[in-house]
Amino acid sequence: MTNEAARTSVILIGGGRMGTLIAKTLEAEGGFEVLDTYGSRDAAQLDREAPRADVAIDFSNRAALPHALAYVRRTGAALVSGTTGYAPEELEQIRALGEACAVTWSANYSLGVAVLRRATEVVARGLGDWDCEIVETHHNQKADAPSGTAKLLLGAIDPSSSMEVVCGREGMVGPRGRREVGMHSLRGGTVAGTHEVHFFGTDEEVCLTHRATSRQIFASGAVAAARRIVGREPGFYTFDQLMFGE
């Protein structure tokens, strides 16, 4: 078998900075062939015209979701989605694709963030009665807040969604509630992404922090997920399942 025949074919959805970086990472790592890239202006071509690929990597925006879904349903390609800002019902549509294809979605494809989420889950169980606050910082061009990663960390703290989420505070808000999680979003400059999870007890604090110094970590993680998901049985896979074999 030639190297060309063994290459995994890819369709990229979302041409921006992340799309460009993913394309370069696919080329650098080898074993992949990018058939085409579709941005917001030509995403409708995914419905009928885009060629069949082994995997679609989607880092576009929520407006392109119907076209990404249509492409996967039509071609049976695996899907690696890193688009954020989705409503819960939109995420459910992505999960439902797992009935027919191998699908993964993550708000963050950094291996470090995956470990941070796992650590946050462990600490939250051990310090269940401590106050918890999440602080996320991103560049001044980021459109959605809180970040998808902050929501991912919130899920590690409160998997049953039983706590009150307070996004920032202003005015005479009174004492902090015991079943409250603070969520704070900072925007400025060119910050690739910083996430902090603070646990406050009596006379002590635990802070878990992840800092991204470039977007390359997200591109590398997405490519690693694409490599691992091709050939899998239909289903919705988490990034943790793909990376840690869970």
Protein backbone atom coordinates (compact mmCIF):
# COMPACT_ATOMS: atom_id res chain seq x y z
CA MET A 1 0.00 0.00 0.00
CA THR A 2 1.39 3.41 -0.91
CA ASN A 3 1.60 6.28 1.54
CA GLU A 4 -0.92 8.18 -0.59
CA ALA A 5 -3.45 5.35 -0.32
CA ALA A 6 -3.03 5.21 3.45
CA ARG A 7 -3.69 8.91 4.01
CA THR A 8 -6.78 10.02 5.93
CA SER A 9 -8.92 12.44 3.92
CA VAL A 10 -10.16 15.57 5.70
CA ILE A 11 -12.72 18.30 5.09
CA LEU A 12 -12.09 21.49 7.07
CA ILE A 13 -15.03 23.65 8.11
CA GLY A 14 -14.01 27.14 9.18
CA GLY A 15 -11.15 28.87 7.42
CA GLY A 16 -10.10 31.52 9.99
CA ARG A 17 -7.02 31.42 12.17
CA MET A 18 -7.81 28.03 13.69
CA GLY A 19 -8.67 26.51 10.33
CA THR A 20 -5.39 27.71 8.87
CA LEU A 21 -3.44 26.41 11.87
CA ILE A 22 -5.15 23.01 11.73
CA ALA A 23 -4.39 22.73 8.02
CA LYS A 24 -0.69 23.42 8.69
CA THR A 25 -0.69 20.89 11.55
CA LEU A 26 -2.27 18.21 9.38
CA GLU A 27 0.40 18.79 6.74
CA ALA A 28 3.23 18.81 9.27
CA GLU A 29 2.15 15.61 11.00
CA GLY A 30 1.62 13.71 7.75
CA GLY A 31 -0.84 10.94 6.98
CA PHE A 32 -3.64 13.37 6.10
CA GLU A 33 -5.00 14.86 2.89
CA VAL A 34 -7.13 18.01 3.09
CA LEU A 35 -9.68 17.74 0.29
CA ASP A 36 -11.15 21.22 0.74
CA THR A 37 -11.91 23.97 3.24
CA TYR A 38 -15.31 25.64 3.67
CA GLY A 39 -15.91 28.94 5.41
CA SER A 40 -19.06 30.86 6.27
CA ARG A 41 -19.54 32.09 2.70
CA ASP A 42 -19.58 28.67 1.04
CA ALA A 43 -20.71 26.39 3.90
CA ALA A 44 -23.91 25.57 2.00
CA GLN A 45 -21.81 23.53 -0.43
CA LEU A 46 -21.39 20.99 2.36
CA ASP A 47 -25.02 19.99 1.92
CA ARG A 48 -24.58 18.44 -1.56
CA GLU A 49 -21.33 19.36 -3.31
CA ALA A 50 -18.45 18.81 -0.89
CA PRO A 51 -16.47 15.60 -1.55
CA ARG A 52 -16.63 12.64 0.79
CA ALA A 53 -13.87 12.51 3.40
CA ASP A 54 -12.92 10.21 6.24
CA VAL A 55 -13.30 13.00 8.81
CA ALA A 56 -14.64 16.55 8.99
CA ILE A 57 -12.92 18.97 11.39
CA ASP A 58 -15.20 21.87 12.30
CA PHE A 59 -13.87 25.02 13.96
CA SER A 60 -16.34 27.44 12.39
CA ASN A 61 -19.28 29.11 14.16
CA ARG A 62 -22.77 28.08 15.17
CA ALA A 63 -24.29 29.45 11.94
CA ALA A 64 -22.53 26.69 9.98
CA LEU A 65 -23.89 23.88 12.16
CA PRO A 66 -26.81 22.87 9.87
CA HIS A 67 -24.37 22.47 6.98
CA ALA A 68 -21.86 20.51 9.05
CA LEU A 69 -24.63 18.18 10.21
CA ALA A 70 -25.92 17.77 6.66
CA TYR A 71 -22.43 16.88 5.42
CA VAL A 72 -21.87 14.22 8.07
CA ARG A 73 -25.29 12.68 7.51
CA ARG A 74 -24.75 12.62 3.74
CA THR A 75 -21.23 11.22 3.70
CA GLY A 76 -20.92 9.22 6.91
CA ALA A 77 -17.68 11.04 7.76
CA ALA A 78 -16.47 11.14 11.34
CA LEU A 79 -16.79 14.58 12.95
CA VAL A 80 -14.35 16.45 15.17
CA SER A 81 -16.06 19.65 16.31
CA GLY A 82 -14.42 22.43 18.31
CA THR A 83 -16.93 25.19 17.62
CA THR A 84 -18.12 26.97 20.77
CA GLY A 85 -21.11 29.17 21.58
CA TYR A 86 -23.70 26.47 20.86
CA ALA A 87 -27.05 26.41 22.64
CA PRO A 88 -27.85 23.18 24.55
CA GLU A 89 -30.24 22.02 21.83
CA GLU A 90 -27.51 22.48 19.20
CA LEU A 91 -25.07 20.39 21.21
CA GLU A 92 -27.76 17.74 21.47
CA GLN A 93 -27.98 17.66 17.67
CA ILE A 94 -24.25 16.98 17.51
CA ARG A 95 -24.51 14.19 20.10
CA ALA A 96 -27.42 12.67 18.18
CA LEU A 97 -25.16 12.24 15.14
CA GLY A 98 -23.43 9.54 17.15
CA GLU A 99 -26.27 7.21 16.24
CA ALA A 100 -24.92 7.05 12.69
CA CYS A 101 -21.29 8.23 12.80
CA ALA A 102 -18.30 8.61 15.09
CA VAL A 103 -18.54 12.10 16.58
CA THR A 104 -16.65 14.15 19.13
CA TRP A 105 -17.18 17.70 20.35
CA SER A 106 -15.07 19.56 22.86
CA ALA A 107 -14.87 23.17 23.90
CA ASN A 108 -11.13 22.72 24.23
CA TYR A 109 -8.74 20.27 22.57
CA SER A 110 -5.77 20.99 24.82
CA LEU A 111 -4.43 17.91 26.58
CA GLY A 112 -3.57 20.15 29.55
CA VAL A 113 -7.14 21.38 29.81
CA ALA A 114 -8.40 17.79 29.65
CA VAL A 115 -6.23 17.02 32.68
CA LEU A 116 -7.37 20.26 34.37
CA ARG A 117 -10.99 19.17 34.00
CA ARG A 118 -10.22 15.81 35.57
CA ALA A 119 -8.31 17.49 38.42
CA THR A 120 -11.16 19.96 38.97
CA GLU A 121 -13.60 17.08 39.29
CA VAL A 122 -11.44 15.41 41.94
CA VAL A 123 -10.86 18.62 43.93
CA ALA A 124 -14.56 19.57 43.77
CA ARG A 125 -15.51 16.22 45.30
CA GLY A 126 -12.92 16.59 48.05
CA LEU A 127 -13.78 20.22 48.86
CA GLY A 128 -17.51 20.02 48.31
CA ASP A 129 -18.46 22.69 50.85
CA TRP A 130 -15.87 25.27 49.71
CA ASP A 131 -16.76 28.33 47.65
CA CYS A 132 -15.81 27.99 43.98
CA GLU A 133 -15.17 30.64 41.33
CA ILE A 134 -14.10 30.24 37.68
CA VAL A 135 -12.14 32.98 35.90
CA GLU A 136 -11.40 32.80 32.17
CA THR A 137 -9.34 35.25 30.10
CA HIS A 138 -9.22 35.47 26.31
CA HIS A 139 -8.20 37.80 23.49
CA ASN A 140 -10.29 40.84 22.65
CA GLN A 141 -11.77 39.25 19.50
CA LYS A 142 -13.49 36.32 21.22
CA ALA A 143 -17.22 36.46 20.58
CA ASP A 144 -18.76 34.22 23.24
CA ALA A 145 -18.67 34.44 27.04
CA PRO A 146 -18.24 32.54 29.25
CA SER A 147 -15.86 30.43 27.22
CA GLY A 148 -16.75 26.88 26.30
CA THR A 149 -13.85 25.69 28.43
CA ALA A 150 -15.20 27.56 31.46
CA LYS A 151 -18.50 25.76 30.97
CA LEU A 152 -16.60 22.48 30.68
CA LEU A 153 -14.97 23.17 34.05
CA LEU A 154 -18.34 24.14 35.51
CA GLY A 155 -19.61 20.70 34.50
CA ALA A 156 -16.74 19.11 36.41
CA ILE A 157 -17.71 21.07 39.53
CA ASP A 158 -21.47 20.69 39.24
CA PRO A 159 -22.31 17.68 37.01
CA SER A 160 -25.96 17.70 38.12
CA SER A 161 -26.39 21.43 37.28
CA SER A 162 -27.92 22.00 40.71
CA MET A 163 -25.90 25.08 41.67
CA GLU A 164 -26.61 28.71 40.87
CA VAL A 165 -24.21 30.18 38.31
CA VAL A 166 -23.48 33.88 38.81
CA CYS A 167 -21.79 35.55 35.84
CA GLY A 168 -20.08 38.54 37.43
CA ARG A 169 -21.38 40.62 40.31
CA GLU A 170 -22.50 44.23 40.54
CA GLY A 171 -24.18 46.37 43.17
CA MET A 172 -25.46 45.31 46.58
CA VAL A 173 -25.55 41.58 45.89
CA GLY A 174 -25.41 40.54 49.55
CA PRO A 175 -23.46 37.60 50.99
CA ARG A 176 -22.32 34.88 48.67
CA GLY A 177 -24.70 31.94 48.46
CA ARG A 178 -23.42 28.52 49.56
CA ARG A 179 -24.73 26.80 46.42
CA GLU A 180 -23.26 29.41 44.08
CA VAL A 181 -20.52 29.24 41.44
CA GLY A 182 -19.07 32.52 40.21
CA MET A 183 -18.17 32.77 36.52
CA HIS A 184 -16.03 35.68 35.34
CA SER A 185 -14.87 36.54 31.81
CA LEU A 186 -11.91 38.83 31.06
CA ARG A 187 -11.17 40.03 27.51
CA GLY A 188 -8.07 41.80 26.24
CA GLY A 189 -5.07 41.79 23.96
CA THR A 190 -4.01 38.56 22.31
CA VAL A 191 -4.42 36.11 25.21
CA ALA A 192 -4.85 32.62 23.76
CA GLY A 193 -6.66 31.42 26.87
CA THR A 194 -6.21 31.28 30.64
CA HIS A 195 -8.54 29.37 32.95
CA GLU A 196 -8.48 29.44 36.74
CA VAL A 197 -10.63 27.44 39.12
CA HIS A 198 -10.54 28.86 42.67
CA PHE A 199 -11.69 26.92 45.73
CA PHE A 200 -11.99 29.07 48.87
CA GLY A 201 -12.17 27.52 52.32
CA THR A 202 -11.67 28.98 55.79
CA ASP A 203 -8.18 30.51 55.88
CA GLU A 204 -7.02 28.68 52.75
CA GLU A 205 -7.43 28.58 48.98
CA VAL A 206 -6.70 26.07 46.22
CA CYS A 207 -6.30 27.41 42.67
CA LEU A 208 -6.00 25.25 39.57
CA THR A 209 -4.69 27.13 36.52
CA HIS A 210 -4.08 26.43 32.84
CA ARG A 211 -2.43 28.96 30.53
CA ALA A 212 -2.29 28.60 26.77
CA THR A 213 0.50 30.58 25.14
CA SER A 214 -0.58 29.82 21.57
CA ARG A 215 -3.45 28.25 19.66
CA GLN A 216 -1.17 25.49 18.44
CA ILE A 217 -2.12 23.30 21.42
CA PHE A 218 -5.76 23.32 20.28
CA ALA A 219 -4.85 22.49 16.69
CA SER A 220 -2.57 19.65 17.78
CA GLY A 221 -5.28 18.23 20.03
CA ALA A 222 -7.90 18.41 17.30
CA VAL A 223 -5.60 16.59 14.87
CA ALA A 224 -4.86 13.95 17.51
CA ALA A 225 -8.62 13.49 18.03
CA ALA A 226 -9.14 13.18 14.27
CA ARG A 227 -6.45 10.51 14.06
CA ARG A 228 -8.08 8.51 16.87
CA ILE A 229 -11.71 8.78 15.80
CA VAL A 230 -11.41 7.59 12.20
CA GLY A 231 -12.50 3.97 11.92
CA ARG A 232 -14.36 3.90 15.23
CA GLU A 233 -17.86 2.56 15.61
CA PRO A 234 -20.69 5.13 15.54
CA GLY A 235 -21.08 6.94 18.82
CA PHE A 236 -20.46 10.20 20.63
CA TYR A 237 -16.96 10.20 22.09
CA THR A 238 -15.55 12.70 24.54
CA PHE A 239 -12.03 14.07 24.08
CA ASP A 240 -11.08 12.24 27.29
CA GLN A 241 -12.27 8.94 25.83
CA LEU A 242 -10.22 9.45 22.69
CA MET A 243 -7.06 10.60 24.47
CA PHE A 244 -7.12 8.48 27.63
CA GLY A 245 -8.86 5.36 26.34
CA GLU A 246 -11.76 5.58 28.76
